[in-house]
Amino acid sequence: MEAAVYAIGHPLRWKLLAELAEGEPLMVTELAARLRRTVTNVSKQVNYLKSLGVISVTRRLYHISDKFPQPGEKEVDFGYFVARFGVK
């Protein structure tokens, strides 16, 4: 899945995925507030992730797409690697 390479290639997109990997669907405004970024900037990156199929939207709430299983808390399985967010 090449989408994963593009999805994690930008620091803000990585942070967005980390927030959404916690499992709670969030609105763009909530994501922007949590990441201390502008709504415009977050919206641009969220739309890019959505175009790659990495995240989905339901009633203005964004979440990790069902195409990418979440084997554990704060983890996303991209097929050839598992991204673990918040793990040191």
N, C-alpha and C. Protein backbone atom coordinates (compact mmCIF):
# COMPACT_ATOMS: atom_id res chain seq x y z
N MET A 1 0.83 -1.18 0.00
CA MET A 1 0.00 0.00 0.00
C MET A 1 0.88 1.25 0.00
N GLU A 2 1.03 1.82 -1.14
CA GLU A 2 1.87 3.01 -1.26
C GLU A 2 1.27 4.21 -0.55
N ALA A 3 -0.01 4.17 -0.28
CA ALA A 3 -0.66 5.29 0.40
C ALA A 3 0.01 5.57 1.73
N ALA A 4 0.47 4.53 2.39
CA ALA A 4 1.09 4.70 3.70
C ALA A 4 2.36 5.55 3.61
N VAL A 5 3.13 5.35 2.56
CA VAL A 5 4.36 6.12 2.39
C VAL A 5 4.06 7.61 2.29
N TYR A 6 3.05 7.95 1.52
CA TYR A 6 2.67 9.35 1.37
C TYR A 6 2.01 9.88 2.64
N ALA A 7 1.29 9.02 3.32
CA ALA A 7 0.56 9.44 4.52
C ALA A 7 1.49 9.86 5.64
N ILE A 8 2.60 9.15 5.79
CA ILE A 8 3.49 9.44 6.90
C ILE A 8 4.65 10.35 6.51
N GLY A 9 4.68 10.81 5.28
CA GLY A 9 5.78 11.60 4.77
C GLY A 9 5.80 13.06 5.21
N HIS A 10 4.87 13.47 6.00
CA HIS A 10 4.79 14.86 6.45
C HIS A 10 4.54 14.85 7.96
N PRO A 11 5.28 15.65 8.72
CA PRO A 11 5.13 15.62 10.18
C PRO A 11 3.71 15.88 10.68
N LEU A 12 2.99 16.79 10.03
CA LEU A 12 1.62 17.07 10.48
C LEU A 12 0.71 15.88 10.20
N ARG A 13 0.89 15.24 9.07
CA ARG A 13 0.07 14.06 8.77
C ARG A 13 0.34 12.95 9.78
N TRP A 14 1.59 12.78 10.16
CA TRP A 14 1.93 11.78 11.18
C TRP A 14 1.20 12.10 12.48
N LYS A 15 1.20 13.37 12.88
CA LYS A 15 0.52 13.78 14.11
C LYS A 15 -1.00 13.57 14.00
N LEU A 16 -1.55 13.85 12.83
CA LEU A 16 -2.99 13.62 12.62
C LEU A 16 -3.33 12.15 12.77
N LEU A 17 -2.52 11.29 12.16
CA LEU A 17 -2.75 9.85 12.28
C LEU A 17 -2.62 9.40 13.73
N ALA A 18 -1.67 9.96 14.44
CA ALA A 18 -1.49 9.61 15.85
C ALA A 18 -2.74 9.96 16.66
N GLU A 19 -3.31 11.13 16.40
CA GLU A 19 -4.54 11.53 17.10
C GLU A 19 -5.70 10.60 16.76
N LEU A 20 -5.84 10.29 15.48
CA LEU A 20 -6.96 9.45 15.05
C LEU A 20 -6.76 7.98 15.44
N ALA A 21 -5.52 7.57 15.62
CA ALA A 21 -5.24 6.18 16.02
C ALA A 21 -5.71 5.89 17.43
N GLU A 22 -5.99 6.93 18.20
CA GLU A 22 -6.52 6.72 19.54
C GLU A 22 -7.94 6.18 19.51
N GLY A 23 -8.57 6.24 18.34
CA GLY A 23 -9.87 5.61 18.16
C GLY A 23 -11.07 6.53 18.22
N GLU A 24 -10.87 7.75 18.68
CA GLU A 24 -11.99 8.68 18.79
C GLU A 24 -12.12 9.48 17.49
N PRO A 25 -13.26 9.39 16.79
CA PRO A 25 -13.46 10.21 15.60
C PRO A 25 -13.50 11.69 15.99
N LEU A 26 -12.85 12.53 15.20
CA LEU A 26 -12.74 13.95 15.53
C LEU A 26 -13.07 14.83 14.33
N MET A 27 -13.58 16.01 14.63
CA MET A 27 -13.82 17.01 13.60
C MET A 27 -12.51 17.73 13.31
N VAL A 28 -12.42 18.39 12.16
CA VAL A 28 -11.22 19.12 11.78
C VAL A 28 -10.89 20.18 12.84
N THR A 29 -11.90 20.86 13.34
CA THR A 29 -11.65 21.90 14.34
C THR A 29 -11.06 21.31 15.62
N GLU A 30 -11.51 20.12 16.00
CA GLU A 30 -10.96 19.46 17.19
C GLU A 30 -9.51 19.03 16.95
N LEU A 31 -9.24 18.49 15.76
CA LEU A 31 -7.87 18.11 15.43
C LEU A 31 -6.95 19.33 15.43
N ALA A 32 -7.41 20.42 14.85
CA ALA A 32 -6.61 21.65 14.80
C ALA A 32 -6.31 22.15 16.21
N ALA A 33 -7.29 22.12 17.08
CA ALA A 33 -7.08 22.58 18.46
C ALA A 33 -6.09 21.68 19.19
N ARG A 34 -6.22 20.38 19.02
CA ARG A 34 -5.30 19.45 19.70
C ARG A 34 -3.87 19.59 19.21
N LEU A 35 -3.71 19.88 17.93
CA LEU A 35 -2.37 19.97 17.35
C LEU A 35 -1.84 21.41 17.31
N ARG A 36 -2.67 22.34 17.74
CA ARG A 36 -2.30 23.77 17.76
C ARG A 36 -1.88 24.25 16.38
N ARG A 37 -2.69 23.92 15.41
CA ARG A 37 -2.49 24.33 14.02
C ARG A 37 -3.75 25.03 13.54
N THR A 38 -3.65 25.70 12.40
CA THR A 38 -4.83 26.36 11.85
C THR A 38 -5.77 25.32 11.26
N VAL A 39 -7.04 25.65 11.26
CA VAL A 39 -8.05 24.76 10.68
C VAL A 39 -7.76 24.56 9.19
N THR A 40 -7.33 25.61 8.51
CA THR A 40 -7.03 25.52 7.08
C THR A 40 -5.92 24.51 6.82
N ASN A 41 -4.85 24.58 7.59
CA ASN A 41 -3.72 23.67 7.40
C ASN A 41 -4.13 22.23 7.70
N VAL A 42 -4.84 22.02 8.79
CA VAL A 42 -5.28 20.67 9.16
C VAL A 42 -6.27 20.14 8.12
N SER A 43 -7.17 20.98 7.67
CA SER A 43 -8.15 20.57 6.67
C SER A 43 -7.45 20.11 5.39
N LYS A 44 -6.42 20.83 4.97
CA LYS A 44 -5.67 20.47 3.77
C LYS A 44 -5.05 19.07 3.93
N GLN A 45 -4.42 18.82 5.07
CA GLN A 45 -3.76 17.54 5.29
C GLN A 45 -4.78 16.41 5.48
N VAL A 46 -5.88 16.69 6.13
CA VAL A 46 -6.94 15.68 6.31
C VAL A 46 -7.52 15.29 4.95
N ASN A 47 -7.75 16.27 4.11
CA ASN A 47 -8.27 15.97 2.78
C ASN A 47 -7.28 15.16 1.96
N TYR A 48 -5.99 15.42 2.13
CA TYR A 48 -4.97 14.64 1.43
C TYR A 48 -5.00 13.19 1.91
N LEU A 49 -5.06 12.99 3.23
CA LEU A 49 -5.13 11.63 3.78
C LEU A 49 -6.40 10.92 3.32
N LYS A 50 -7.48 11.67 3.24
CA LYS A 50 -8.75 11.11 2.76
C LYS A 50 -8.62 10.69 1.29
N SER A 51 -7.95 11.49 0.47
CA SER A 51 -7.79 11.15 -0.95
C SER A 51 -6.93 9.90 -1.12
N LEU A 52 -6.04 9.63 -0.17
CA LEU A 52 -5.22 8.41 -0.21
C LEU A 52 -5.98 7.19 0.30
N GLY A 53 -7.12 7.44 0.94
CA GLY A 53 -7.91 6.34 1.50
C GLY A 53 -7.46 5.90 2.87
N VAL A 54 -6.59 6.68 3.51
CA VAL A 54 -6.07 6.33 4.82
C VAL A 54 -7.06 6.67 5.92
N ILE A 55 -7.79 7.76 5.75
CA ILE A 55 -8.82 8.11 6.72
C ILE A 55 -10.16 8.24 6.01
N SER A 56 -11.20 8.14 6.79
CA SER A 56 -12.57 8.27 6.27
C SER A 56 -13.30 9.32 7.09
N VAL A 57 -14.41 9.77 6.55
CA VAL A 57 -15.22 10.76 7.26
C VAL A 57 -16.65 10.27 7.34
N THR A 58 -17.24 10.42 8.50
CA THR A 58 -18.64 10.10 8.73
C THR A 58 -19.24 11.25 9.53
N ARG A 59 -20.18 11.93 8.93
CA ARG A 59 -20.84 13.06 9.59
C ARG A 59 -19.83 14.07 10.14
N ARG A 60 -18.90 14.47 9.31
CA ARG A 60 -17.87 15.46 9.63
C ARG A 60 -16.88 14.99 10.69
N LEU A 61 -16.92 13.71 11.03
CA LEU A 61 -15.97 13.15 11.99
C LEU A 61 -14.98 12.27 11.23
N TYR A 62 -13.71 12.56 11.39
CA TYR A 62 -12.67 11.81 10.69
C TYR A 62 -12.15 10.68 11.56
N HIS A 63 -11.79 9.57 10.92
CA HIS A 63 -11.29 8.40 11.62
C HIS A 63 -10.41 7.60 10.66
N ILE A 64 -9.60 6.69 11.20
CA ILE A 64 -8.77 5.82 10.38
C ILE A 64 -9.69 4.94 9.54
N SER A 65 -9.38 4.81 8.26
CA SER A 65 -10.20 4.00 7.35
C SER A 65 -10.24 2.54 7.79
N ASP A 66 -11.35 1.89 7.52
CA ASP A 66 -11.50 0.47 7.83
C ASP A 66 -10.56 -0.40 7.00
N LYS A 67 -9.98 0.16 5.94
CA LYS A 67 -9.03 -0.57 5.12
C LYS A 67 -7.75 -0.89 5.89
N PHE A 68 -7.49 -0.11 6.93
CA PHE A 68 -6.27 -0.26 7.71
C PHE A 68 -6.62 -0.70 9.12
N PRO A 69 -6.43 -1.99 9.43
CA PRO A 69 -6.78 -2.50 10.75
C PRO A 69 -5.95 -1.83 11.85
N GLN A 70 -6.53 -1.80 13.02
CA GLN A 70 -5.84 -1.28 14.19
C GLN A 70 -5.65 -2.43 15.17
N PRO A 71 -4.48 -3.11 15.10
CA PRO A 71 -4.26 -4.30 15.92
C PRO A 71 -4.18 -4.03 17.41
N GLY A 72 -3.82 -2.83 17.77
CA GLY A 72 -3.72 -2.48 19.18
C GLY A 72 -4.00 -1.01 19.37
N GLU A 73 -3.99 -0.59 20.62
CA GLU A 73 -4.23 0.81 20.92
C GLU A 73 -3.11 1.66 20.33
N LYS A 74 -3.46 2.71 19.64
CA LYS A 74 -2.54 3.64 19.00
C LYS A 74 -1.66 2.96 17.94
N GLU A 75 -2.21 1.97 17.24
CA GLU A 75 -1.49 1.28 16.18
C GLU A 75 -2.34 1.24 14.91
N VAL A 76 -1.67 1.34 13.77
CA VAL A 76 -2.35 1.23 12.48
C VAL A 76 -1.50 0.29 11.61
N ASP A 77 -2.15 -0.73 11.07
CA ASP A 77 -1.47 -1.71 10.23
C ASP A 77 -1.61 -1.28 8.77
N PHE A 78 -0.50 -0.85 8.17
CA PHE A 78 -0.51 -0.39 6.79
C PHE A 78 -0.24 -1.52 5.80
N GLY A 79 -0.19 -2.75 6.26
CA GLY A 79 0.02 -3.89 5.38
C GLY A 79 1.44 -4.42 5.42
N TYR A 80 2.40 -3.53 5.24
CA TYR A 80 3.79 -3.98 5.28
C TYR A 80 4.54 -3.42 6.48
N PHE A 81 3.88 -2.63 7.29
CA PHE A 81 4.43 -2.21 8.57
C PHE A 81 3.29 -1.75 9.46
N VAL A 82 3.53 -1.81 10.75
CA VAL A 82 2.55 -1.34 11.73
C VAL A 82 3.10 -0.06 12.35
N ALA A 83 2.36 1.04 12.21
CA ALA A 83 2.77 2.31 12.82
C ALA A 83 2.28 2.30 14.26
N ARG A 84 3.20 2.54 15.17
CA ARG A 84 2.86 2.61 16.59
C ARG A 84 3.09 4.05 17.05
N PHE A 85 2.00 4.68 17.46
CA PHE A 85 2.05 6.08 17.85
C PHE A 85 2.16 6.20 19.36
N GLY A 86 3.03 7.08 19.81
CA GLY A 86 3.18 7.31 21.24
C GLY A 86 3.98 6.26 21.97
N VAL A 87 4.66 5.37 21.24
CA VAL A 87 5.48 4.34 21.85
C VAL A 87 6.94 4.75 21.73
N LYS A 88 7.65 4.67 22.82
CA LYS A 88 9.09 5.04 22.79
C LYS A 88 9.94 3.83 22.94
